[in-house]
Amino acid sequence: MVVKRIGAPGTGDPAVLSDRAHAGYWRREADVLLTGLCTATPGLRSAPASVEEDDAGVTIVRDWVEDAASSGLFLALSLGRFAGAEIGHPAFLARDLMRDRLARVARKGGWPTLARTTVADVAEHLWTRRETMLALLDGVPQVPQHGDATPRNLPGRADDDALAIDWGTLGHGPVGGDLGYLSLSAREEFEPLLDAYLLGLPSGIADRDAVVLGARVVAVYTALSRAEWALARVAGGEGALAGKYRHPAVAPYLRALQRTFGHMEALLDL
């Protein structure tokens, strides 16, 4: 089994931790499990778990989920099916995940370390146009999204569904958003992942163009923000920044960033 302890916000903690609609709401995962919201949803399901509450926080106890070694194609298909789930609109669901994440990046100064790299001009252009891109996300169909769709968080399998183990960012967001997030860490290239997602997406929810737009914006802005975070951690050491690109704490994020170059080119034309 796995035991996860989540402490309640205290005096001096950021106010967003207590905002039920914010991406950082502290007890969202517990609320998802307590309500059973995703125990039988199509595509993704929550693993069996119990929740104990006390004045200082919550304790989640769940069964260990064995790694099913699912392919990215299966996970993309599952995410597409989940985008058609009926989960209602409980107050604890995240409502503006990408905007909340970029607001946190903005509070830390944006992407200043990327300004010292070969993607500086592109990063600056996309950063200054982030509100425009967020508005584009607002304009596509809004669907249920896991919000942190990585293979690590979707390890298990139950019949035709993936078992997810972290529901702390569950909410509604742009169709294709989970696909874009998954594409940064999946082994497969974007096009076959897109085809699998569309195969799982119930008809009438969104067309291919809307899914591609949602996936592109989420993938690009997530990859750039992660690369900034990784580079900033090593930028203060001795030596040129370019000499640290192969650092094991940096290289995976830069490889993920490289995978989005085609998406970046498409966004520059919008």
Protein backbone atom coordinates (compact mmCIF):
# COMPACT_ATOMS: atom_id res chain seq x y z
CA MET A 1 0.00 0.00 0.00
CA VAL A 2 0.93 3.67 -0.28
CA VAL A 3 0.35 6.25 2.45
CA LYS A 4 0.25 9.91 1.44
CA ARG A 5 0.03 12.69 4.00
CA ILE A 6 -1.15 16.15 2.94
CA GLY A 7 -0.89 18.93 5.49
CA ALA A 8 -3.49 21.67 5.67
CA PRO A 9 -2.31 25.22 4.90
CA GLY A 10 -1.16 27.18 7.91
CA THR A 11 -0.62 30.82 8.78
CA GLY A 12 1.61 32.44 6.19
CA ASP A 13 0.99 29.87 3.47
CA PRO A 14 -0.12 31.15 0.03
CA ALA A 15 -3.83 31.91 -0.15
CA VAL A 16 -4.19 29.89 -3.37
CA LEU A 17 -3.74 26.67 -1.38
CA SER A 18 -7.19 27.29 0.10
CA ASP A 19 -8.81 28.39 -3.18
CA ARG A 20 -10.90 25.39 -4.25
CA ALA A 21 -10.80 26.34 -7.93
CA HIS A 22 -7.06 27.04 -8.10
CA ALA A 23 -4.59 24.53 -9.48
CA GLY A 24 -2.77 24.49 -6.15
CA TYR A 25 -5.77 23.70 -3.93
CA TRP A 26 -4.29 21.58 -1.18
CA ARG A 27 -6.87 18.82 -0.70
CA ARG A 28 -8.30 18.27 -4.19
CA GLU A 29 -7.05 14.69 -4.42
CA ALA A 30 -8.72 13.82 -1.12
CA ASP A 31 -12.01 15.35 -2.27
CA VAL A 32 -11.89 13.39 -5.53
CA LEU A 33 -11.39 10.14 -3.62
CA LEU A 34 -13.95 10.91 -0.90
CA THR A 35 -16.67 11.65 -3.45
CA GLY A 36 -15.78 8.66 -5.64
CA LEU A 37 -15.90 11.04 -8.58
CA CYS A 38 -13.55 9.01 -10.79
CA THR A 39 -14.02 5.45 -9.57
CA ALA A 40 -15.87 4.44 -12.75
CA THR A 41 -15.13 7.14 -15.31
CA PRO A 42 -14.31 5.97 -18.86
CA GLY A 43 -10.66 5.99 -19.88
CA LEU A 44 -9.19 6.89 -16.49
CA ARG A 45 -10.16 5.54 -13.09
CA SER A 46 -8.92 6.22 -9.60
CA ALA A 47 -7.20 3.40 -7.74
CA PRO A 48 -9.02 2.13 -4.60
CA ALA A 49 -8.15 4.36 -1.64
CA SER A 50 -9.34 5.56 1.76
CA VAL A 51 -9.08 9.04 3.25
CA GLU A 52 -8.75 9.95 6.91
CA GLU A 53 -9.16 13.57 8.01
CA ASP A 54 -7.92 15.43 11.07
CA ASP A 55 -7.32 19.03 12.09
CA ALA A 56 -3.83 19.06 10.59
CA GLY A 57 -4.65 17.60 7.18
CA VAL A 58 -5.62 14.39 5.42
CA THR A 59 -4.06 10.96 5.05
CA ILE A 60 -4.64 8.95 1.87
CA VAL A 61 -4.08 5.20 1.96
CA ARG A 62 -4.35 3.29 -1.30
CA ASP A 63 -3.38 -0.03 -2.75
CA TRP A 64 -0.08 -0.20 -4.57
CA VAL A 65 -0.69 0.07 -8.31
CA GLU A 66 1.51 -2.22 -10.36
CA ASP A 67 3.11 -0.69 -13.43
CA ALA A 68 1.31 -2.10 -16.45
CA ALA A 69 3.98 -0.70 -18.81
CA SER A 70 1.22 0.85 -20.92
CA SER A 71 2.19 2.39 -24.21
CA GLY A 72 1.72 6.08 -24.87
CA LEU A 73 -0.88 5.13 -27.46
CA PHE A 74 -3.02 3.36 -24.85
CA LEU A 75 -2.69 6.31 -22.48
CA ALA A 76 -3.60 8.80 -25.22
CA LEU A 77 -6.63 6.69 -26.12
CA SER A 78 -7.61 6.60 -22.44
CA LEU A 79 -7.26 10.36 -22.08
CA GLY A 80 -9.44 10.87 -25.13
CA ARG A 81 -12.13 8.67 -23.62
CA PHE A 82 -11.84 10.47 -20.29
CA ALA A 83 -12.41 13.80 -22.04
CA GLY A 84 -15.96 12.60 -22.65
CA ALA A 85 -16.63 11.66 -19.02
CA GLU A 86 -19.48 13.18 -17.04
CA ILE A 87 -17.94 14.47 -13.80
CA GLY A 88 -20.16 17.50 -13.21
CA HIS A 89 -18.75 20.69 -11.76
CA PRO A 90 -17.97 20.19 -8.05
CA ALA A 91 -16.49 23.30 -6.48
CA PHE A 92 -13.16 21.58 -5.78
CA LEU A 93 -12.27 20.97 -9.45
CA ALA A 94 -9.50 23.06 -11.02
CA ARG A 95 -10.97 25.60 -13.42
CA ASP A 96 -8.01 27.37 -15.04
CA LEU A 97 -5.02 25.08 -14.71
CA MET A 98 -2.79 26.50 -17.45
CA ARG A 99 -3.45 30.10 -16.49
CA ASP A 100 -2.70 29.33 -12.84
CA ARG A 101 0.56 27.62 -13.77
CA LEU A 102 1.73 30.49 -15.95
CA ALA A 103 0.77 33.00 -13.26
CA ARG A 104 3.11 31.17 -10.90
CA VAL A 105 5.88 31.36 -13.49
CA ALA A 106 5.19 35.07 -13.95
CA ARG A 107 5.53 35.69 -10.20
CA LYS A 108 9.02 34.19 -10.44
CA GLY A 109 10.00 36.49 -13.31
CA GLY A 110 8.99 34.53 -16.39
CA TRP A 111 11.67 32.74 -18.42
CA PRO A 112 14.85 34.84 -17.86
CA THR A 113 17.27 31.91 -18.11
CA LEU A 114 15.90 30.92 -21.52
CA ALA A 115 16.93 34.40 -22.68
CA ARG A 116 20.51 33.12 -22.52
CA THR A 117 19.84 30.21 -24.87
CA THR A 118 19.29 29.70 -28.60
CA VAL A 119 15.50 29.75 -28.10
CA ALA A 120 15.63 33.24 -26.59
CA ASP A 121 13.74 35.05 -29.37
CA VAL A 122 11.03 32.41 -29.65
CA ALA A 123 10.64 32.21 -25.87
CA GLU A 124 10.33 35.99 -25.58
CA HIS A 125 7.70 36.10 -28.32
CA LEU A 126 5.64 33.32 -26.80
CA TRP A 127 5.93 34.72 -23.29
CA THR A 128 4.67 38.14 -24.35
CA ARG A 129 1.76 36.48 -26.17
CA ARG A 130 0.81 34.13 -23.37
CA GLU A 131 -2.51 35.85 -22.67
CA THR A 132 -3.42 35.52 -26.34
CA MET A 133 -2.61 31.81 -26.23
CA LEU A 134 -4.60 31.35 -23.03
CA ALA A 135 -7.54 33.05 -24.71
CA LEU A 136 -7.24 30.55 -27.57
CA LEU A 137 -7.40 27.74 -25.02
CA ASP A 138 -10.54 29.31 -23.55
CA GLY A 139 -12.10 29.18 -27.01
CA VAL A 140 -11.88 25.43 -27.56
CA PRO A 141 -14.28 22.94 -25.92
CA GLN A 142 -13.63 22.50 -22.21
CA VAL A 143 -13.53 18.87 -21.10
CA PRO A 144 -12.56 16.83 -18.03
CA GLN A 145 -8.79 16.68 -17.72
CA HIS A 146 -6.46 14.91 -15.34
CA GLY A 147 -4.06 17.86 -15.46
CA ASP A 148 -0.85 15.94 -14.76
CA ALA A 149 -1.03 13.23 -17.39
CA THR A 150 2.38 11.57 -17.33
CA PRO A 151 3.08 7.83 -17.59
CA ARG A 152 4.23 7.91 -13.95
CA ASN A 153 0.82 9.16 -12.83
CA LEU A 154 -1.08 6.71 -15.06
CA PRO A 155 0.73 3.48 -14.21
CA GLY A 156 -1.95 0.85 -13.87
CA ARG A 157 -4.60 -0.76 -15.99
CA ALA A 158 -8.06 -2.06 -15.18
CA ASP A 159 -9.77 -3.74 -18.13
CA ASP A 160 -9.85 -1.07 -20.86
CA ASP A 161 -9.08 1.86 -18.57
CA ALA A 162 -5.87 3.35 -17.19
CA LEU A 163 -5.51 3.60 -13.42
CA ALA A 164 -4.36 7.02 -12.25
CA ILE A 165 -2.76 7.60 -8.86
CA ASP A 166 -2.62 11.40 -8.54
CA TRP A 167 -5.78 13.49 -8.88
CA GLY A 168 -4.50 16.72 -7.40
CA THR A 169 -5.05 18.73 -10.60
CA LEU A 170 -8.34 17.23 -11.80
CA GLY A 171 -10.66 19.72 -13.42
CA HIS A 172 -11.95 21.03 -16.73
CA GLY A 173 -9.64 22.38 -19.41
CA PRO A 174 -9.06 22.65 -23.15
CA VAL A 175 -9.68 19.55 -25.21
CA GLY A 176 -6.27 18.09 -26.08
CA GLY A 177 -4.63 19.61 -23.00
CA ASP A 178 -3.92 16.24 -21.39
CA LEU A 179 -2.61 14.99 -24.73
CA GLY A 180 -0.12 17.84 -24.95
CA TYR A 181 1.06 17.14 -21.43
CA LEU A 182 1.44 13.41 -22.12
CA SER A 183 3.34 14.02 -25.37
CA LEU A 184 6.26 15.55 -23.44
CA SER A 185 7.09 12.26 -21.71
CA ALA A 186 5.63 9.54 -23.94
CA ARG A 187 7.96 7.46 -26.12
CA GLU A 188 5.79 7.90 -29.20
CA GLU A 189 5.76 10.91 -31.53
CA PHE A 190 2.90 13.38 -31.43
CA GLU A 191 0.99 12.33 -34.56
CA PRO A 192 0.27 8.73 -33.49
CA LEU A 193 -0.60 9.97 -30.00
CA LEU A 194 -3.01 12.46 -31.56
CA ASP A 195 -4.65 9.72 -33.64
CA ALA A 196 -5.08 7.56 -30.54
CA TYR A 197 -6.59 10.46 -28.55
CA LEU A 198 -9.03 11.24 -31.36
CA LEU A 199 -9.99 7.57 -31.55
CA GLY A 200 -10.96 7.65 -27.87
CA LEU A 201 -12.65 11.06 -27.94
CA PRO A 202 -16.43 10.64 -28.22
CA SER A 203 -17.92 12.10 -31.38
CA GLY A 204 -19.38 15.58 -31.25
CA ILE A 205 -17.08 16.94 -28.55
CA ALA A 206 -14.39 18.60 -30.67
CA ASP A 207 -12.76 18.42 -34.08
CA ARG A 208 -9.15 17.61 -34.86
CA ASP A 209 -8.08 21.26 -35.15
CA ALA A 210 -9.35 22.10 -31.67
CA VAL A 211 -7.54 19.09 -30.17
CA VAL A 212 -4.29 20.03 -31.93
CA LEU A 213 -4.51 23.63 -30.73
CA GLY A 214 -5.16 22.61 -27.13
CA ALA A 215 -2.32 20.10 -27.18
CA ARG A 216 0.13 22.50 -28.82
CA VAL A 217 -0.35 25.38 -26.43
CA VAL A 218 -0.19 23.18 -23.34
CA ALA A 219 2.85 21.24 -24.59
CA VAL A 220 4.85 24.32 -25.62
CA TYR A 221 4.21 26.45 -22.54
CA THR A 222 4.73 23.49 -20.21
CA ALA A 223 7.99 22.49 -21.91
CA LEU A 224 9.36 26.04 -21.86
CA SER A 225 8.45 26.52 -18.20
CA ARG A 226 10.05 23.22 -17.23
CA ALA A 227 13.21 24.04 -19.20
CA GLU A 228 13.44 27.43 -17.48
CA TRP A 229 13.08 25.78 -14.08
CA ALA A 230 15.74 23.16 -14.82
CA LEU A 231 18.26 25.62 -16.29
CA ALA A 232 17.76 28.16 -13.51
CA ARG A 233 18.81 25.55 -10.94
CA VAL A 234 22.24 25.10 -12.55
CA ALA A 235 22.78 28.55 -14.05
CA GLY A 236 24.50 29.95 -10.98
CA GLY A 237 27.38 27.48 -11.01
CA GLU A 238 30.76 27.91 -12.65
CA GLY A 239 31.08 27.73 -16.41
CA ALA A 240 28.98 28.73 -19.39
CA LEU A 241 25.28 27.87 -19.36
CA ALA A 242 25.60 25.99 -22.67
CA GLY A 243 28.07 23.64 -21.05
CA LYS A 244 25.36 22.49 -18.63
CA TYR A 245 22.82 21.37 -21.21
CA ARG A 246 23.86 17.74 -20.73
CA HIS A 247 23.60 17.89 -16.96
CA PRO A 248 21.35 14.98 -15.88
CA ALA A 249 19.04 17.42 -14.09
CA VAL A 250 18.65 19.47 -17.28
CA ALA A 251 18.96 17.22 -20.33
CA PRO A 252 15.55 15.47 -20.04
CA TYR A 253 13.75 18.82 -19.99
CA LEU A 254 15.68 20.09 -23.00
CA ARG A 255 14.92 16.91 -24.94
CA ALA A 256 11.23 17.40 -24.17
CA LEU A 257 11.55 21.01 -25.30
CA GLN A 258 13.09 19.92 -28.60
CA ARG A 259 10.07 17.72 -29.24
CA THR A 260 7.86 20.81 -29.27
CA PHE A 261 9.78 22.79 -31.90
CA GLY A 262 7.21 21.95 -34.58
CA HIS A 263 4.42 23.12 -32.28
CA MET A 264 6.33 26.34 -31.57
CA GLU A 265 6.60 27.13 -35.28
CA ALA A 266 2.85 26.63 -35.65
CA LEU A 267 2.09 28.93 -32.70
CA LEU A 268 4.32 31.68 -34.07
CA ASP A 269 1.95 31.98 -37.02
CA LEU A 270 -1.14 32.49 -34.88
